[in-house]
Amino acid sequence: MLPRYENQINDIRSKLANLISEVVEAHNIALDAYKTKNIQKFDDVKGVLKSIQIEANVIDNEIVKTFALFGPEAQELRLLITYLKMTNELIRIGEGAKKYARRMKAHCESDCNLESISDVIIKLHSSSIAALQFIADCFNNHSECDYSDLYRSVMVEESKCDDLHSILEKEILSRIIIEGELSIEYVKVLSTLRKLERASDHAINIAKLMLYSKEGGEIQSY
């Protein structure tokens, strides 16, 4: 491809890397807010992600422009398809982070006793962040990134998230039995924690797309 095309791809990749970094930053802020019990800090998550939809739209427009100007084929075409789908995954992660922060702030102010499951919540959030961080690191060092290793690393963290969420589910159900009057609130807590588990699911989808961009094949199989 021509140098102009390479410059365009680098620009798109840079914008995507920035978007991923914002999502990781938002999750780190939410985790720190929970760990330090500084519940007002949850509000900062919305500020970090306030323009995520606009940024994603800009990236999508640049990708469409690249299709029109250069007519890419083969691996270049797969790469652009990957990036186009990736913005949707990142929007979902970002929206999930905003909902998590808003709801967790309310849970921390409620009568629910989260102390007994606090360590597991922190581990769950840490694993979901680790999955996203692997992707961010890969974007920042794309020339050296092994996409197969990336996929395996993200898969490990996603599996941890599934296991940890299952533990939380059991613990919260036990709390519901003990504190029946707060059952609705505890169900809401479980729904909120699902946002962290879903973040790791979306991270897996992104890792699959990145692997597809390199290996090809049927995108449905990734």
Protein backbone atom coordinates (compact mmCIF):
# COMPACT_ATOMS: atom_id res chain seq x y z
CA MET A 1 0.00 0.00 0.00
CA LEU A 2 1.00 3.63 -0.54
CA PRO A 3 2.58 5.75 2.22
CA ARG A 4 -0.65 7.78 2.41
CA TYR A 5 -2.55 4.62 3.26
CA GLU A 6 -0.02 3.69 5.94
CA ASN A 7 -0.35 7.14 7.45
CA GLN A 8 -4.12 6.79 7.47
CA ILE A 9 -3.95 3.39 9.18
CA ASN A 10 -1.48 4.72 11.76
CA ASP A 11 -3.84 7.61 12.50
CA ILE A 12 -6.79 5.25 12.97
CA ARG A 13 -4.70 2.94 15.14
CA SER A 14 -3.58 5.90 17.27
CA LYS A 15 -7.17 7.03 17.79
CA LEU A 16 -8.20 3.50 18.75
CA ALA A 17 -5.27 3.21 21.18
CA ASN A 18 -6.40 6.45 22.81
CA LEU A 19 -9.96 5.18 23.10
CA ILE A 20 -8.79 1.93 24.69
CA SER A 21 -6.60 3.87 27.12
CA GLU A 22 -9.59 5.97 28.19
CA VAL A 23 -11.64 2.84 28.86
CA VAL A 24 -8.81 1.33 30.94
CA GLU A 25 -8.36 4.61 32.82
CA ALA A 26 -12.08 4.77 33.62
CA HIS A 27 -12.05 1.25 35.03
CA ASN A 28 -8.94 1.98 37.09
CA ILE A 29 -10.64 5.06 38.55
CA ALA A 30 -13.73 3.01 39.46
CA LEU A 31 -11.60 0.30 41.07
CA ASP A 32 -9.62 2.84 43.07
CA ALA A 33 -12.85 4.55 44.18
CA TYR A 34 -14.12 1.24 45.53
CA LYS A 35 -10.84 0.20 47.16
CA THR A 36 -10.36 3.55 48.92
CA LYS A 37 -14.07 3.97 49.71
CA ASN A 38 -13.89 7.38 48.04
CA ILE A 39 -17.33 7.06 46.49
CA GLN A 40 -17.33 10.58 45.05
CA LYS A 41 -14.49 9.45 42.79
CA PHE A 42 -16.95 7.20 40.93
CA ASP A 43 -18.25 10.40 39.30
CA ASP A 44 -14.89 10.86 37.55
CA VAL A 45 -15.56 7.80 35.37
CA LYS A 46 -18.25 9.65 33.44
CA GLY A 47 -15.88 12.55 32.82
CA VAL A 48 -13.19 10.31 31.31
CA LEU A 49 -15.70 8.67 28.98
CA LYS A 50 -17.90 11.67 28.24
CA SER A 51 -16.95 11.78 24.54
CA ILE A 52 -16.47 8.06 23.87
CA GLN A 53 -19.35 7.91 21.36
CA ILE A 54 -18.05 10.95 19.47
CA GLU A 55 -14.51 9.55 19.37
CA ALA A 56 -15.79 6.19 18.12
CA ASN A 57 -17.83 7.91 15.40
CA VAL A 58 -14.75 9.82 14.25
CA ILE A 59 -12.82 6.56 13.99
CA ASP A 60 -15.64 4.87 12.07
CA ASN A 61 -15.79 7.80 9.64
CA GLU A 62 -12.05 7.59 9.07
CA ILE A 63 -12.34 3.87 8.37
CA VAL A 64 -15.14 4.41 5.85
CA LYS A 65 -13.07 7.16 4.20
CA THR A 66 -10.14 4.75 3.95
CA PHE A 67 -12.37 2.16 2.24
CA ALA A 68 -13.46 4.77 -0.29
CA LEU A 69 -10.05 6.27 -1.00
CA PHE A 70 -7.84 3.18 -1.13
CA GLY A 71 -10.04 0.16 -1.88
CA PRO A 72 -7.99 -2.13 0.39
CA GLU A 73 -7.90 -5.89 -0.20
CA ALA A 74 -6.86 -9.05 1.66
CA GLN A 75 -5.15 -8.37 5.00
CA GLU A 76 -5.61 -4.60 4.74
CA LEU A 77 -9.34 -5.13 4.27
CA ARG A 78 -9.50 -7.50 7.25
CA LEU A 79 -7.68 -4.96 9.39
CA LEU A 80 -10.19 -2.21 8.62
CA ILE A 81 -13.14 -4.54 9.24
CA THR A 82 -11.55 -5.43 12.57
CA TYR A 83 -11.20 -1.78 13.56
CA LEU A 84 -14.75 -1.00 12.48
CA LYS A 85 -16.15 -3.75 14.68
CA MET A 86 -13.79 -2.92 17.52
CA THR A 87 -15.23 0.55 18.09
CA ASN A 88 -18.61 -0.99 18.87
CA GLU A 89 -17.04 -3.29 21.46
CA LEU A 90 -15.25 -0.36 23.07
CA ILE A 91 -18.44 1.69 23.24
CA ARG A 92 -20.12 -1.20 25.05
CA ILE A 93 -17.26 -1.48 27.51
CA GLY A 94 -17.31 2.26 28.10
CA GLU A 95 -21.05 2.43 28.62
CA GLY A 96 -20.79 -0.54 30.96
CA ALA A 97 -18.08 1.25 32.96
CA LYS A 98 -20.27 4.33 33.36
CA LYS A 99 -23.23 2.26 34.52
CA TYR A 100 -21.01 0.27 36.89
CA ALA A 101 -19.60 3.42 38.49
CA ARG A 102 -23.02 5.04 38.90
CA ARG A 103 -24.60 1.92 40.38
CA MET A 104 -21.66 0.96 42.60
CA LYS A 105 -21.65 4.43 44.11
CA ALA A 106 -25.29 3.89 45.07
CA HIS A 107 -24.56 0.39 46.44
CA CYS A 108 -21.74 1.74 48.62
CA GLU A 109 -24.20 4.25 50.08
CA SER A 110 -26.89 1.60 50.66
CA ASP A 111 -27.43 -0.75 53.59
CA CYS A 112 -25.92 -3.70 51.72
CA ASN A 113 -22.97 -5.33 53.43
CA LEU A 114 -20.30 -5.68 50.75
CA GLU A 115 -17.37 -6.16 53.12
CA SER A 116 -17.58 -9.95 53.06
CA ILE A 117 -17.24 -9.99 49.26
CA SER A 118 -15.04 -6.93 48.87
CA ASP A 119 -11.85 -8.89 48.12
CA VAL A 120 -13.59 -10.89 45.39
CA ILE A 121 -15.06 -7.74 43.84
CA ILE A 122 -11.58 -6.22 43.70
CA LYS A 123 -10.14 -9.37 42.12
CA LEU A 124 -12.94 -9.47 39.55
CA HIS A 125 -12.40 -5.84 38.61
CA SER A 126 -8.63 -6.30 38.50
CA SER A 127 -8.94 -9.25 36.11
CA SER A 128 -11.29 -7.36 33.79
CA ILE A 129 -8.84 -4.43 33.75
CA ALA A 130 -5.93 -6.81 33.06
CA ALA A 131 -7.77 -8.19 30.02
CA LEU A 132 -8.26 -4.66 28.68
CA GLN A 133 -4.70 -3.66 29.51
CA PHE A 134 -3.29 -6.53 27.43
CA ILE A 135 -5.16 -5.10 24.44
CA ALA A 136 -4.00 -1.54 25.18
CA ASP A 137 -0.38 -2.72 25.42
CA CYS A 138 -0.71 -4.57 22.14
CA PHE A 139 -1.96 -1.43 20.40
CA ASN A 140 0.84 0.65 21.84
CA ASN A 141 3.41 -1.92 20.63
CA HIS A 142 1.56 -3.27 17.61
CA SER A 143 4.70 -4.09 15.60
CA GLU A 144 5.92 -6.47 18.33
CA CYS A 145 2.57 -7.83 19.50
CA ASP A 146 1.90 -11.55 19.05
CA TYR A 147 -1.87 -11.73 18.55
CA SER A 148 -2.03 -15.42 19.43
CA ASP A 149 -0.34 -14.71 22.77
CA LEU A 150 -2.65 -11.75 23.26
CA TYR A 151 -5.70 -13.92 22.74
CA ARG A 152 -4.46 -16.53 25.22
CA SER A 153 -3.65 -13.88 27.84
CA VAL A 154 -7.05 -12.23 27.53
CA MET A 155 -8.74 -15.63 27.63
CA VAL A 156 -7.03 -16.44 30.95
CA GLU A 157 -8.33 -13.21 32.50
CA GLU A 158 -11.80 -13.74 31.06
CA SER A 159 -11.89 -17.22 32.58
CA LYS A 160 -10.88 -15.76 35.95
CA CYS A 161 -13.69 -13.24 35.67
CA ASP A 162 -16.22 -15.99 35.02
CA ASP A 163 -15.03 -17.94 38.08
CA LEU A 164 -14.98 -14.89 40.33
CA HIS A 165 -18.43 -13.81 39.22
CA SER A 166 -19.74 -17.28 40.01
CA ILE A 167 -18.27 -16.98 43.52
CA LEU A 168 -19.91 -13.59 43.97
CA GLU A 169 -23.21 -14.96 42.74
CA LYS A 170 -23.16 -17.68 45.41
CA GLU A 171 -22.10 -15.27 48.14
CA ILE A 172 -24.76 -12.72 47.24
CA LEU A 173 -27.47 -15.38 47.16
CA SER A 174 -26.37 -16.32 50.67
CA ARG A 175 -26.69 -12.68 51.72
CA ILE A 176 -30.20 -12.59 50.29
CA ILE A 177 -31.20 -15.54 52.47
CA ILE A 178 -29.75 -13.84 55.56
CA GLU A 179 -30.97 -10.33 54.78
CA GLY A 180 -34.21 -10.92 52.94
CA GLU A 181 -35.37 -7.35 53.39
CA LEU A 182 -32.47 -6.23 51.17
CA SER A 183 -32.97 -8.93 48.54
CA ILE A 184 -33.87 -6.50 45.75
CA GLU A 185 -30.82 -4.37 46.50
CA TYR A 186 -28.52 -7.42 46.47
CA VAL A 187 -29.95 -8.54 43.13
CA LYS A 188 -29.07 -5.07 41.80
CA VAL A 189 -25.53 -5.48 43.16
CA LEU A 190 -25.16 -8.75 41.26
CA SER A 191 -26.41 -7.07 38.09
CA THR A 192 -23.87 -4.29 38.58
CA LEU A 193 -21.00 -6.74 39.02
CA ARG A 194 -22.06 -8.43 35.80
CA LYS A 195 -20.80 -5.28 34.03
CA LEU A 196 -17.25 -6.22 35.03
CA GLU A 197 -17.65 -9.77 33.75
CA ARG A 198 -19.11 -8.44 30.50
CA ALA A 199 -16.11 -6.11 30.08
CA SER A 200 -13.86 -9.16 29.92
CA ASP A 201 -16.23 -10.77 27.39
CA HIS A 202 -15.90 -7.72 25.14
CA ALA A 203 -12.13 -7.85 25.61
CA ILE A 204 -12.19 -11.42 24.29
CA ASN A 205 -14.21 -10.25 21.27
CA ILE A 206 -11.59 -7.60 20.54
CA ALA A 207 -8.73 -10.10 20.90
CA LYS A 208 -10.55 -12.45 18.51
CA LEU A 209 -10.96 -9.65 15.98
CA MET A 210 -7.29 -8.78 16.22
CA LEU A 211 -6.36 -12.40 15.63
CA TYR A 212 -8.71 -12.49 12.64
CA SER A 213 -6.99 -9.45 11.15
CA LYS A 214 -3.74 -11.43 11.07
CA GLU A 215 -4.87 -14.98 10.41
CA GLY A 216 -7.94 -14.50 8.21
CA GLY A 217 -10.47 -17.31 7.90
CA GLU A 218 -14.16 -16.99 8.77
CA ILE A 219 -14.78 -14.12 11.16
CA GLN A 220 -17.66 -16.05 12.78
CA SER A 221 -15.17 -18.66 13.99
CA TYR A 222 -13.30 -16.16 16.14
